[in-house]
Amino acid sequence: MTSRLTARMTHALVLLFIVSVISFALLHLMPGNFAEILLMAQMDGTLPDATQVAHFAADNGLDDPLPYQYLRWLVALFQGDLGKSFITDEPILGDISLRLGQSLLLAVLSLITALMIAVPLGIICARYPGSRIDRITGLISVIGMSIPNFWYALLLALLFSLVLGWLPTGGHGTWAHAVLPTMVIATSIAGVLSRFVRGSLLEELSKPYIRTAKAKGNGRLRTVLRHAIPNTAPGLLTFAGMQFARIFDGMIIVETLFAWPGLGRFLVESLLNRDYPAIQACFLLIASSYILINLAVDIVIAIYDPRAREVV
C-alpha cells in the first residue's frame, strides 16, 4: 500500500506542477504585450506610451525570458507569495485566505445538505425499484440536474426573498444568508448523488451475499442497512469527493448572484477589474483543489476499505 500511495502522491505532485505551468502560461501567452496589458489595467484602460511600458516591464521583471519569470514566480509561490493585487496593492494571499474560508464553509454545507437529501432518497428508490416514488424521484433528479444554477438561484430568491420575505437576497454575516446559496448548490448535485446511491445499491442487492443474508432471516431493510450500504460507502465517498470538487464551479455563479464573499465572487471581480495576478492565483487554487481533494479521497478510501489498498 505504501508504495502505491507514494506513487499516487507523486502523480498528484506532477499534476500540480503542470497546473502551475498552465496557470502561469495562460496569462503570459495572451495576444499582445503582457506588460502593456497589465499597465493598462492599472491605468484604468488608458493606453500607455512605449516609454511607460518599457519602464513598467523593467521594474517588474517582465522583460526577462519567460522560463526565468516562471521560476521566479514558482519560488515566490513556495514562499507563500502569490503577488500583489493591481487594484488594492495588497498581497493576494490575504484576500484569498479570507475568501477561501467563506467558500469552504458554503461547499461543506452544500455537500452535507446534498448527502442528507440524496442518501435517503437513493435508499428508498433502491428499496422499491420501479415504484411510483422511484419514478417521481428520478424525474425530480433529472429536473434538478437540468436547471442552470443561475436560473434556479433567481427563482429561489424571487420566492423566498421577494414573495415570502423569509430570507435575505444576498450578503453574509448570519446563517440565514447561507440558506439560499446552499440550497442552490446542494440540489444541483443531490440528484446526481441520489441516482448514484440507487444504482450502487441495486448492484449490491443483486450479489450472492445479499441472498445469503436474506436466507438467514434478515429482512430486506435490515439487509440494505447492515450489508449493502457499507459496501457502497467507498464508491459513494469517491463520487461525493468528485462532486465536492465540482462545487467550486457552481460557486462562481452562486456567490456572484447572492453577493457571498467567496473565492468565486473574488474571481469574477478580478476578471471585471482585469486584476491579472489575482486571476492567476484563483485559477491555480481552483485547479489544485480538484487534485488535492481526489488524493484525499483516495487516502481515506484506502484506510476505510482494505480491498481498495491493492489499487491505491
C-alpha atoms as a PDB file:
ATOM      1  CA  MET A   1       0.000   0.000   0.000  1.00  0.00           C
ATOM      2  CA  THR A   2       2.818   2.413   0.899  1.00  0.00           C
ATOM      3  CA  SER A   3       4.481   2.173  -2.494  1.00  0.00           C
ATOM      4  CA  ARG A   4       1.192   2.652  -4.353  1.00  0.00           C
ATOM      5  CA  LEU A   5       0.262   5.570  -2.135  1.00  0.00           C
ATOM      6  CA  THR A   6       3.662   7.139  -2.759  1.00  0.00           C
ATOM      7  CA  ALA A   7       3.138   6.710  -6.494  1.00  0.00           C
ATOM      8  CA  ARG A   8      -0.299   8.357  -6.259  1.00  0.00           C
ATOM      9  CA  MET A   9       1.138  11.309  -4.301  1.00  0.00           C
ATOM     10  CA  THR A  10       3.955  11.648  -6.834  1.00  0.00           C
ATOM     11  CA  HIS A  11       1.376  11.663  -9.598  1.00  0.00           C
ATOM     12  CA  ALA A  12      -0.523  14.419  -7.757  1.00  0.00           C
ATOM     13  CA  LEU A  13       2.648  16.499  -7.425  1.00  0.00           C
ATOM     14  CA  VAL A  14       3.332  16.149 -11.148  1.00  0.00           C
ATOM     15  CA  LEU A  15      -0.217  17.287 -11.913  1.00  0.00           C
ATOM     16  CA  LEU A  16       0.196  20.254  -9.561  1.00  0.00           C
ATOM     17  CA  PHE A  17       3.369  21.218 -11.405  1.00  0.00           C
ATOM     18  CA  ILE A  18       1.551  21.011 -14.743  1.00  0.00           C
ATOM     19  CA  VAL A  19      -1.281  23.134 -13.329  1.00  0.00           C
ATOM     20  CA  SER A  20       1.216  25.756 -12.174  1.00  0.00           C
ATOM     21  CA  VAL A  21       2.774  25.896 -15.640  1.00  0.00           C
ATOM     22  CA  ILE A  22      -0.621  26.238 -17.318  1.00  0.00           C
ATOM     23  CA  SER A  23      -1.850  28.892 -14.897  1.00  0.00           C
ATOM     24  CA  PHE A  24       1.324  30.903 -15.473  1.00  0.00           C
ATOM     25  CA  ALA A  25       1.290  30.466 -19.246  1.00  0.00           C
ATOM     26  CA  LEU A  26      -2.406  31.288 -19.784  1.00  0.00           C
ATOM     27  CA  LEU A  27      -1.910  34.934 -18.911  1.00  0.00           C
ATOM     28  CA  HIS A  28       1.596  35.406 -20.268  1.00  0.00           C
ATOM     29  CA  LEU A  29       0.768  33.881 -23.642  1.00  0.00           C
ATOM     30  CA  MET A  30      -2.177  36.173 -24.331  1.00  0.00           C
ATOM     31  CA  PRO A  31      -2.038  38.109 -27.607  1.00  0.00           C
ATOM     32  CA  GLY A  32      -0.281  41.439 -27.277  1.00  0.00           C
ATOM     33  CA  ASN A  33       2.335  42.854 -24.963  1.00  0.00           C
ATOM     34  CA  PHE A  34       1.744  41.433 -21.473  1.00  0.00           C
ATOM     35  CA  ALA A  35       3.449  44.384 -19.777  1.00  0.00           C
ATOM     36  CA  GLU A  36       1.262  46.800 -21.749  1.00  0.00           C
ATOM     37  CA  ILE A  37      -1.892  44.884 -20.825  1.00  0.00           C
ATOM     38  CA  LEU A  38      -1.020  44.944 -17.124  1.00  0.00           C
ATOM     39  CA  LEU A  39      -0.125  48.614 -17.202  1.00  0.00           C
ATOM     40  CA  MET A  40      -3.385  49.465 -18.958  1.00  0.00           C
ATOM     41  CA  ALA A  41      -5.251  47.633 -16.200  1.00  0.00           C
ATOM     42  CA  GLN A  42      -3.501  49.770 -13.598  1.00  0.00           C
ATOM     43  CA  MET A  43      -4.195  52.960 -15.576  1.00  0.00           C
ATOM     44  CA  ASP A  44      -7.954  52.227 -15.876  1.00  0.00           C
ATOM     45  CA  GLY A  45      -7.764  51.424 -19.571  1.00  0.00           C
ATOM     46  CA  THR A  46      -5.640  54.394 -20.618  1.00  0.00           C
ATOM     47  CA  LEU A  47      -3.223  53.447 -23.387  1.00  0.00           C
ATOM     48  CA  PRO A  48       0.380  53.923 -22.135  1.00  0.00           C
ATOM     49  CA  ASP A  49       3.219  55.035 -24.369  1.00  0.00           C
ATOM     50  CA  ALA A  50       6.250  52.892 -25.214  1.00  0.00           C
ATOM     51  CA  THR A  51       8.455  54.514 -22.557  1.00  0.00           C
ATOM     52  CA  GLN A  52       5.972  53.795 -19.775  1.00  0.00           C
ATOM     53  CA  VAL A  53       5.624  50.193 -20.923  1.00  0.00           C
ATOM     54  CA  ALA A  54       9.411  49.737 -21.021  1.00  0.00           C
ATOM     55  CA  HIS A  55       9.856  51.153 -17.508  1.00  0.00           C
ATOM     56  CA  PHE A  56       6.998  49.044 -16.161  1.00  0.00           C
ATOM     57  CA  ALA A  57       8.422  45.876 -17.724  1.00  0.00           C
ATOM     58  CA  ALA A  58      11.884  46.566 -16.313  1.00  0.00           C
ATOM     59  CA  ASP A  59      10.590  47.369 -12.828  1.00  0.00           C
ATOM     60  CA  ASN A  60       8.517  44.174 -12.665  1.00  0.00           C
ATOM     61  CA  GLY A  61      10.951  41.831 -14.419  1.00  0.00           C
ATOM     62  CA  LEU A  62       8.601  41.324 -17.367  1.00  0.00           C
ATOM     63  CA  ASP A  63      11.405  41.819 -19.876  1.00  0.00           C
ATOM     64  CA  ASP A  64      13.184  38.702 -18.613  1.00  0.00           C
ATOM     65  CA  PRO A  65      12.898  35.393 -20.525  1.00  0.00           C
ATOM     66  CA  LEU A  66       9.613  33.604 -19.829  1.00  0.00           C
ATOM     67  CA  PRO A  67      11.208  30.491 -18.189  1.00  0.00           C
ATOM     68  CA  TYR A  68      13.117  32.757 -15.798  1.00  0.00           C
ATOM     69  CA  GLN A  69       9.880  34.621 -14.944  1.00  0.00           C
ATOM     70  CA  TYR A  70       8.189  31.288 -14.241  1.00  0.00           C
ATOM     71  CA  LEU A  71      10.969  30.102 -11.938  1.00  0.00           C
ATOM     72  CA  ARG A  72      10.872  33.393 -10.055  1.00  0.00           C
ATOM     73  CA  TRP A  73       7.095  33.120  -9.726  1.00  0.00           C
ATOM     74  CA  LEU A  74       7.366  29.467  -8.621  1.00  0.00           C
ATOM     75  CA  VAL A  75       9.944  30.273  -5.925  1.00  0.00           C
ATOM     76  CA  ALA A  76       7.701  33.051  -4.627  1.00  0.00           C
ATOM     77  CA  LEU A  77       4.753  30.637  -4.690  1.00  0.00           C
ATOM     78  CA  PHE A  78       6.605  28.149  -2.485  1.00  0.00           C
ATOM     79  CA  GLN A  79       7.244  31.012  -0.063  1.00  0.00           C
ATOM     80  CA  GLY A  80       3.518  31.779   0.085  1.00  0.00           C
ATOM     81  CA  ASP A  81       3.745  34.864  -2.123  1.00  0.00           C
ATOM     82  CA  LEU A  82       1.035  34.991  -4.785  1.00  0.00           C
ATOM     83  CA  GLY A  83       1.869  38.537  -5.752  1.00  0.00           C
ATOM     84  CA  LYS A  84       0.042  41.801  -5.165  1.00  0.00           C
ATOM     85  CA  SER A  85      -3.331  42.886  -6.433  1.00  0.00           C
ATOM     86  CA  PHE A  86      -3.243  45.603  -9.076  1.00  0.00           C
ATOM     87  CA  ILE A  87      -6.451  47.049  -7.642  1.00  0.00           C
ATOM     88  CA  THR A  88      -5.750  47.161  -3.886  1.00  0.00           C
ATOM     89  CA  ASP A  89      -1.942  46.862  -3.987  1.00  0.00           C
ATOM     90  CA  GLU A  90      -2.284  44.340  -1.148  1.00  0.00           C
ATOM     91  CA  PRO A  91      -0.928  40.753  -1.065  1.00  0.00           C
ATOM     92  CA  ILE A  92      -3.315  38.437  -2.883  1.00  0.00           C
ATOM     93  CA  LEU A  93      -2.747  35.685  -0.310  1.00  0.00           C
ATOM     94  CA  GLY A  94      -4.556  37.722   2.334  1.00  0.00           C
ATOM     95  CA  ASP A  95      -7.588  38.306   0.118  1.00  0.00           C
ATOM     96  CA  ILE A  96      -7.732  34.652  -0.924  1.00  0.00           C
ATOM     97  CA  SER A  97      -7.384  33.411   2.662  1.00  0.00           C
ATOM     98  CA  LEU A  98     -10.473  35.376   3.686  1.00  0.00           C
ATOM     99  CA  ARG A  99     -12.453  34.360   0.610  1.00  0.00           C
ATOM    100  CA  LEU A 100     -11.389  30.701   0.713  1.00  0.00           C
ATOM    101  CA  GLY A 101     -12.784  30.231   4.207  1.00  0.00           C
ATOM    102  CA  GLN A 102     -16.189  31.509   3.093  1.00  0.00           C
ATOM    103  CA  SER A 103     -16.157  29.262   0.007  1.00  0.00           C
ATOM    104  CA  LEU A 104     -15.183  26.189   2.031  1.00  0.00           C
ATOM    105  CA  LEU A 105     -17.970  26.897   4.504  1.00  0.00           C
ATOM    106  CA  LEU A 106     -20.501  27.092   1.686  1.00  0.00           C
ATOM    107  CA  ALA A 107     -19.086  23.985  -0.024  1.00  0.00           C
ATOM    108  CA  VAL A 108     -19.186  21.854   3.139  1.00  0.00           C
ATOM    109  CA  LEU A 109     -22.724  22.974   3.976  1.00  0.00           C
ATOM    110  CA  SER A 110     -23.824  22.231   0.416  1.00  0.00           C
ATOM    111  CA  LEU A 111     -22.272  18.759   0.349  1.00  0.00           C
ATOM    112  CA  ILE A 112     -23.735  17.802   3.739  1.00  0.00           C
ATOM    113  CA  THR A 113     -27.166  19.042   2.665  1.00  0.00           C
ATOM    114  CA  ALA A 114     -26.913  17.173  -0.646  1.00  0.00           C
ATOM    115  CA  LEU A 115     -25.965  13.923   1.113  1.00  0.00           C
ATOM    116  CA  MET A 116     -28.814  14.329   3.607  1.00  0.00           C
ATOM    117  CA  ILE A 117     -31.199  14.579   0.667  1.00  0.00           C
ATOM    118  CA  ALA A 118     -29.594  12.080  -1.724  1.00  0.00           C
ATOM    119  CA  VAL A 119     -28.774   9.122   0.523  1.00  0.00           C
ATOM    120  CA  PRO A 120     -32.291   8.567   1.960  1.00  0.00           C
ATOM    121  CA  LEU A 121     -33.864   9.086  -1.466  1.00  0.00           C
ATOM    122  CA  GLY A 122     -31.396   6.676  -3.064  1.00  0.00           C
ATOM    123  CA  ILE A 123     -32.092   4.040  -0.410  1.00  0.00           C
ATOM    124  CA  ILE A 124     -35.859   4.381  -0.820  1.00  0.00           C
ATOM    125  CA  CYS A 125     -35.607   4.149  -4.616  1.00  0.00           C
ATOM    126  CA  ALA A 126     -33.379   1.083  -4.384  1.00  0.00           C
ATOM    127  CA  ARG A 127     -35.732  -0.445  -1.823  1.00  0.00           C
ATOM    128  CA  TYR A 128     -38.722  -0.003  -4.167  1.00  0.00           C
ATOM    129  CA  PRO A 129     -37.312  -0.009  -7.732  1.00  0.00           C
ATOM    130  CA  GLY A 130     -39.817   0.825 -10.432  1.00  0.00           C
ATOM    131  CA  SER A 131     -42.352   2.120  -7.933  1.00  0.00           C
ATOM    132  CA  ARG A 132     -44.152   5.447  -8.151  1.00  0.00           C
ATOM    133  CA  ILE A 133     -41.787   7.084  -5.667  1.00  0.00           C
ATOM    134  CA  ASP A 134     -38.826   5.810  -7.688  1.00  0.00           C
ATOM    135  CA  ARG A 135     -40.206   7.346 -10.886  1.00  0.00           C
ATOM    136  CA  ILE A 136     -41.092  10.635  -9.191  1.00  0.00           C
ATOM    137  CA  THR A 137     -37.669  10.876  -7.550  1.00  0.00           C
ATOM    138  CA  GLY A 138     -35.980  10.117 -10.862  1.00  0.00           C
ATOM    139  CA  LEU A 139     -37.984  12.850 -12.573  1.00  0.00           C
ATOM    140  CA  ILE A 140     -37.143  15.388  -9.840  1.00  0.00           C
ATOM    141  CA  SER A 141     -33.467  14.407 -10.030  1.00  0.00           C
ATOM    142  CA  VAL A 142     -33.367  14.970 -13.779  1.00  0.00           C
ATOM    143  CA  ILE A 143     -35.067  18.352 -13.388  1.00  0.00           C
ATOM    144  CA  GLY A 144     -32.637  19.336 -10.621  1.00  0.00           C
ATOM    145  CA  MET A 145     -29.651  18.363 -12.750  1.00  0.00           C
ATOM    146  CA  SER A 146     -31.023  20.154 -15.822  1.00  0.00           C
ATOM    147  CA  ILE A 147     -31.917  23.569 -14.395  1.00  0.00           C
ATOM    148  CA  PRO A 148     -28.979  26.012 -14.690  1.00  0.00           C
ATOM    149  CA  ASN A 149     -27.739  27.306 -11.350  1.00  0.00           C
ATOM    150  CA  PHE A 150     -28.235  30.956 -12.233  1.00  0.00           C
ATOM    151  CA  TRP A 151     -31.890  30.407 -13.173  1.00  0.00           C
ATOM    152  CA  TYR A 152     -32.581  28.264 -10.124  1.00  0.00           C
ATOM    153  CA  ALA A 153     -30.913  30.856  -7.887  1.00  0.00           C
ATOM    154  CA  LEU A 154     -33.113  33.614  -9.305  1.00  0.00           C
ATOM    155  CA  LEU A 155     -36.262  31.521  -8.774  1.00  0.00           C
ATOM    156  CA  LEU A 156     -35.391  30.786  -5.141  1.00  0.00           C
ATOM    157  CA  ALA A 157     -34.503  34.425  -4.468  1.00  0.00           C
ATOM    158  CA  LEU A 158     -37.803  35.514  -6.025  1.00  0.00           C
ATOM    159  CA  LEU A 159     -39.832  33.060  -3.932  1.00  0.00           C
ATOM    160  CA  PHE A 160     -38.149  33.116  -0.524  1.00  0.00           C
ATOM    161  CA  SER A 161     -36.882  36.713  -0.510  1.00  0.00           C
ATOM    162  CA  LEU A 162     -39.209  38.886  -2.563  1.00  0.00           C
ATOM    163  CA  VAL A 163     -42.515  36.989  -2.295  1.00  0.00           C
ATOM    164  CA  LEU A 164     -42.346  35.349   1.141  1.00  0.00           C
ATOM    165  CA  GLY A 165     -39.722  37.623   2.710  1.00  0.00           C
ATOM    166  CA  TRP A 166     -38.243  34.780   4.738  1.00  0.00           C
ATOM    167  CA  LEU A 167     -34.601  35.034   3.662  1.00  0.00           C
ATOM    168  CA  PRO A 168     -32.210  37.821   2.597  1.00  0.00           C
ATOM    169  CA  THR A 169     -31.464  38.147  -1.098  1.00  0.00           C
ATOM    170  CA  GLY A 170     -27.719  38.277  -0.585  1.00  0.00           C
ATOM    171  CA  GLY A 171     -24.774  39.157   1.604  1.00  0.00           C
ATOM    172  CA  HIS A 172     -23.318  37.298   4.569  1.00  0.00           C
ATOM    173  CA  GLY A 173     -22.994  37.527   8.316  1.00  0.00           C
ATOM    174  CA  THR A 174     -25.753  35.210   9.559  1.00  0.00           C
ATOM    175  CA  TRP A 175     -26.810  31.636   8.852  1.00  0.00           C
ATOM    176  CA  ALA A 176     -29.870  32.961   7.026  1.00  0.00           C
ATOM    177  CA  HIS A 177     -27.593  34.387   4.336  1.00  0.00           C
ATOM    178  CA  ALA A 178     -26.168  30.918   3.663  1.00  0.00           C
ATOM    179  CA  VAL A 179     -29.520  29.161   3.183  1.00  0.00           C
ATOM    180  CA  LEU A 180     -30.295  30.147  -0.415  1.00  0.00           C
ATOM    181  CA  PRO A 181     -26.802  29.600  -1.903  1.00  0.00           C
ATOM    182  CA  THR A 182     -26.573  26.293  -0.040  1.00  0.00           C
ATOM    183  CA  MET A 183     -29.946  25.170  -1.412  1.00  0.00           C
ATOM    184  CA  VAL A 184     -28.957  26.058  -4.975  1.00  0.00           C
ATOM    185  CA  ILE A 185     -25.655  24.169  -4.884  1.00  0.00           C
ATOM    186  CA  ALA A 186     -26.963  21.216  -2.844  1.00  0.00           C
ATOM    187  CA  THR A 187     -29.975  20.493  -5.026  1.00  0.00           C
ATOM    188  CA  SER A 188     -27.885  20.706  -8.184  1.00  0.00           C
ATOM    189  CA  ILE A 189     -25.739  17.759  -7.035  1.00  0.00           C
ATOM    190  CA  ALA A 190     -28.288  15.908  -4.881  1.00  0.00           C
ATOM    191  CA  GLY A 191     -29.947  14.485  -7.992  1.00  0.00           C
ATOM    192  CA  VAL A 192     -26.673  13.041  -9.253  1.00  0.00           C
ATOM    193  CA  LEU A 193     -25.822  11.620  -5.838  1.00  0.00           C
ATOM    194  CA  SER A 194     -29.262  10.035  -5.344  1.00  0.00           C
ATOM    195  CA  ARG A 195     -29.061   8.313  -8.748  1.00  0.00           C
ATOM    196  CA  PHE A 196     -25.589   7.038  -7.855  1.00  0.00           C
ATOM    197  CA  VAL A 197     -26.761   5.693  -4.485  1.00  0.00           C
ATOM    198  CA  ARG A 198     -29.729   3.984  -6.134  1.00  0.00           C
ATOM    199  CA  GLY A 199     -27.614   2.360  -8.844  1.00  0.00           C
ATOM    200  CA  SER A 200     -24.918   1.227  -6.408  1.00  0.00           C
ATOM    201  CA  LEU A 201     -27.435  -0.302  -4.007  1.00  0.00           C
ATOM    202  CA  LEU A 202     -29.295  -2.109  -6.781  1.00  0.00           C
ATOM    203  CA  GLU A 203     -25.997  -3.596  -7.945  1.00  0.00           C
ATOM    204  CA  GLU A 204     -25.114  -4.709  -4.426  1.00  0.00           C
ATOM    205  CA  LEU A 205     -28.572  -6.159  -3.807  1.00  0.00           C
ATOM    206  CA  SER A 206     -28.148  -8.454  -6.809  1.00  0.00           C
ATOM    207  CA  LYS A 207     -24.996 -10.092  -5.414  1.00  0.00           C
ATOM    208  CA  PRO A 208     -24.936 -13.586  -3.827  1.00  0.00           C
ATOM    209  CA  TYR A 209     -24.037 -12.436  -0.304  1.00  0.00           C
ATOM    210  CA  ILE A 210     -27.279 -10.456  -0.165  1.00  0.00           C
ATOM    211  CA  ARG A 211     -29.266 -13.586  -0.990  1.00  0.00           C
ATOM    212  CA  THR A 212     -27.351 -15.408   1.735  1.00  0.00           C
ATOM    213  CA  ALA A 213     -28.204 -12.682   4.248  1.00  0.00           C
ATOM    214  CA  LYS A 214     -31.885 -12.936   3.318  1.00  0.00           C
ATOM    215  CA  ALA A 215     -31.755 -16.719   3.625  1.00  0.00           C
ATOM    216  CA  LYS A 216     -30.548 -16.298   7.209  1.00  0.00           C
ATOM    217  CA  GLY A 217     -33.749 -14.480   8.042  1.00  0.00           C
ATOM    218  CA  ASN A 218     -32.691 -10.855   7.633  1.00  0.00           C
ATOM    219  CA  GLY A 219     -35.401  -8.554   6.338  1.00  0.00           C
ATOM    220  CA  ARG A 220     -34.866  -6.521   3.166  1.00  0.00           C
ATOM    221  CA  LEU A 221     -34.455  -3.203   5.005  1.00  0.00           C
ATOM    222  CA  ARG A 222     -32.040  -4.727   7.536  1.00  0.00           C
ATOM    223  CA  THR A 223     -30.069  -6.297   4.700  1.00  0.00           C
ATOM    224  CA  VAL A 224     -29.806  -2.939   2.929  1.00  0.00           C
ATOM    225  CA  LEU A 225     -28.742  -1.016   6.024  1.00  0.00           C
ATOM    226  CA  ARG A 226     -26.368  -3.607   7.505  1.00  0.00           C
ATOM    227  CA  HIS A 227     -24.781  -5.183   4.429  1.00  0.00           C
ATOM    228  CA  ALA A 228     -25.376  -3.267   1.195  1.00  0.00           C
ATOM    229  CA  ILE A 229     -24.788   0.315   2.349  1.00  0.00           C
ATOM    230  CA  PRO A 230     -21.372  -0.321   3.994  1.00  0.00           C
ATOM    231  CA  ASN A 231     -20.171  -1.917   0.754  1.00  0.00           C
ATOM    232  CA  THR A 232     -21.329   1.037  -1.341  1.00  0.00           C
ATOM    233  CA  ALA A 233     -19.717   3.583   1.014  1.00  0.00           C
ATOM    234  CA  PRO A 234     -16.263   3.642  -0.719  1.00  0.00           C
ATOM    235  CA  GLY A 235     -17.840   4.300  -4.108  1.00  0.00           C
ATOM    236  CA  LEU A 236     -20.128   6.953  -2.640  1.00  0.00           C
ATOM    237  CA  LEU A 237     -17.160   8.592  -0.920  1.00  0.00           C
ATOM    238  CA  THR A 238     -15.263   8.745  -4.205  1.00  0.00           C
ATOM    239  CA  PHE A 239     -18.229  10.131  -6.087  1.00  0.00           C
ATOM    240  CA  ALA A 240     -19.006  12.655  -3.321  1.00  0.00           C
ATOM    241  CA  GLY A 241     -15.386  13.816  -3.443  1.00  0.00           C
ATOM    242  CA  MET A 242     -15.702  14.434  -7.172  1.00  0.00           C
ATOM    243  CA  GLN A 243     -18.911  16.386  -6.601  1.00  0.00           C
ATOM    244  CA  PHE A 244     -17.230  18.385  -3.826  1.00  0.00           C
ATOM    245  CA  ALA A 245     -14.577  19.476  -6.303  1.00  0.00           C
ATOM    246  CA  ARG A 246     -17.303  20.379  -8.824  1.00  0.00           C
ATOM    247  CA  ILE A 247     -18.984  22.606  -6.247  1.00  0.00           C
ATOM    248  CA  PHE A 248     -16.312  25.248  -6.866  1.00  0.00           C
ATOM    249  CA  ASP A 249     -17.548  25.556 -10.469  1.00  0.00           C
ATOM    250  CA  GLY A 250     -21.063  26.403  -9.357  1.00  0.00           C
ATOM    251  CA  MET A 251     -19.799  28.810  -6.738  1.00  0.00           C
ATOM    252  CA  ILE A 252     -18.625  31.268  -9.384  1.00  0.00           C
ATOM    253  CA  ILE A 253     -22.248  31.916 -10.368  1.00  0.00           C
ATOM    254  CA  VAL A 254     -23.938  31.383  -6.996  1.00  0.00           C
ATOM    255  CA  GLU A 255     -21.574  33.566  -4.983  1.00  0.00           C
ATOM    256  CA  THR A 256     -21.889  36.364  -7.505  1.00  0.00           C
ATOM    257  CA  LEU A 257     -25.702  36.269  -7.558  1.00  0.00           C
ATOM    258  CA  PHE A 258     -26.036  36.128  -3.767  1.00  0.00           C
ATOM    259  CA  ALA A 259     -23.117  38.514  -3.042  1.00  0.00           C
ATOM    260  CA  TRP A 260     -21.402  35.813  -0.985  1.00  0.00           C
ATOM    261  CA  PRO A 261     -17.794  36.906  -0.307  1.00  0.00           C
ATOM    262  CA  GLY A 262     -16.136  33.724  -1.505  1.00  0.00           C
ATOM    263  CA  LEU A 263     -13.468  32.719  -3.977  1.00  0.00           C
ATOM    264  CA  GLY A 264     -15.884  32.504  -6.916  1.00  0.00           C
ATOM    265  CA  ARG A 265     -17.054  36.081  -6.476  1.00  0.00           C
ATOM    266  CA  PHE A 266     -13.446  37.187  -5.996  1.00  0.00           C
ATOM    267  CA  LEU A 267     -12.549  35.589  -9.348  1.00  0.00           C
ATOM    268  CA  VAL A 268     -15.427  37.376 -11.105  1.00  0.00           C
ATOM    269  CA  GLU A 269     -14.421  40.709  -9.558  1.00  0.00           C
ATOM    270  CA  SER A 270     -10.804  40.121 -10.617  1.00  0.00           C
ATOM    271  CA  LEU A 271     -11.903  39.369 -14.179  1.00  0.00           C
ATOM    272  CA  LEU A 272     -14.013  42.517 -14.339  1.00  0.00           C
ATOM    273  CA  ASN A 273     -11.183  44.618 -12.914  1.00  0.00           C
ATOM    274  CA  ARG A 274      -8.549  42.865 -15.058  1.00  0.00           C
ATOM    275  CA  ASP A 275      -6.559  42.074 -11.928  1.00  0.00           C
ATOM    276  CA  TYR A 276      -4.351  39.505 -13.647  1.00  0.00           C
ATOM    277  CA  PRO A 277      -2.250  38.330 -10.653  1.00  0.00           C
ATOM    278  CA  ALA A 278      -5.471  37.634  -8.739  1.00  0.00           C
ATOM    279  CA  ILE A 279      -6.956  35.762 -11.722  1.00  0.00           C
ATOM    280  CA  GLN A 280      -3.821  33.653 -11.948  1.00  0.00           C
ATOM    281  CA  ALA A 281      -3.926  32.830  -8.227  1.00  0.00           C
ATOM    282  CA  CYS A 282      -7.624  31.882  -8.338  1.00  0.00           C
ATOM    283  CA  PHE A 283      -7.135  29.595 -11.317  1.00  0.00           C
ATOM    284  CA  LEU A 284      -4.188  27.882  -9.624  1.00  0.00           C
ATOM    285  CA  LEU A 285      -6.127  27.365  -6.399  1.00  0.00           C
ATOM    286  CA  ILE A 286      -9.322  26.062  -8.013  1.00  0.00           C
ATOM    287  CA  ALA A 287      -7.476  23.680 -10.339  1.00  0.00           C
ATOM    288  CA  SER A 288      -5.294  22.415  -7.487  1.00  0.00           C
ATOM    289  CA  SER A 289      -8.365  21.743  -5.351  1.00  0.00           C
ATOM    290  CA  TYR A 290      -9.518  19.040  -7.794  1.00  0.00           C
ATOM    291  CA  ILE A 291      -6.210  17.216  -7.492  1.00  0.00           C
ATOM    292  CA  LEU A 292      -5.867  17.526  -3.724  1.00  0.00           C
ATOM    293  CA  ILE A 293      -9.473  16.539  -2.984  1.00  0.00           C
ATOM    294  CA  ASN A 294      -9.214  13.431  -5.178  1.00  0.00           C
ATOM    295  CA  LEU A 295      -5.936  12.499  -3.492  1.00  0.00           C
ATOM    296  CA  ALA A 296      -7.501  12.941  -0.055  1.00  0.00           C
ATOM    297  CA  VAL A 297     -10.461  10.771  -1.055  1.00  0.00           C
ATOM    298  CA  ASP A 298      -8.139   8.016  -2.295  1.00  0.00           C
ATOM    299  CA  ILE A 299      -6.269   8.027   1.020  1.00  0.00           C
ATOM    300  CA  VAL A 300      -9.478   7.925   3.074  1.00  0.00           C
ATOM    301  CA  ILE A 301     -10.858   5.041   0.997  1.00  0.00           C
ATOM    302  CA  ALA A 302      -7.613   3.093   1.410  1.00  0.00           C
ATOM    303  CA  ILE A 303      -7.914   3.475   5.175  1.00  0.00           C
ATOM    304  CA  TYR A 304     -11.637   2.669   5.252  1.00  0.00           C
ATOM    305  CA  ASP A 305     -11.708  -0.252   2.816  1.00  0.00           C
ATOM    306  CA  PRO A 306      -8.810  -2.779   2.881  1.00  0.00           C
ATOM    307  CA  ARG A 307      -9.878  -4.049  -0.543  1.00  0.00           C
ATOM    308  CA  ALA A 308      -9.001  -0.688  -2.079  1.00  0.00           C
ATOM    309  CA  ARG A 309      -5.433  -0.761  -0.793  1.00  0.00           C
ATOM    310  CA  GLU A 310      -4.433  -3.013  -3.660  1.00  0.00           C
ATOM    311  CA  VAL A 311      -5.445  -0.413  -6.213  1.00  0.00           C
ATOM    312  CA  VAL A 312      -4.482   2.825  -4.432  1.00  0.00           C
END
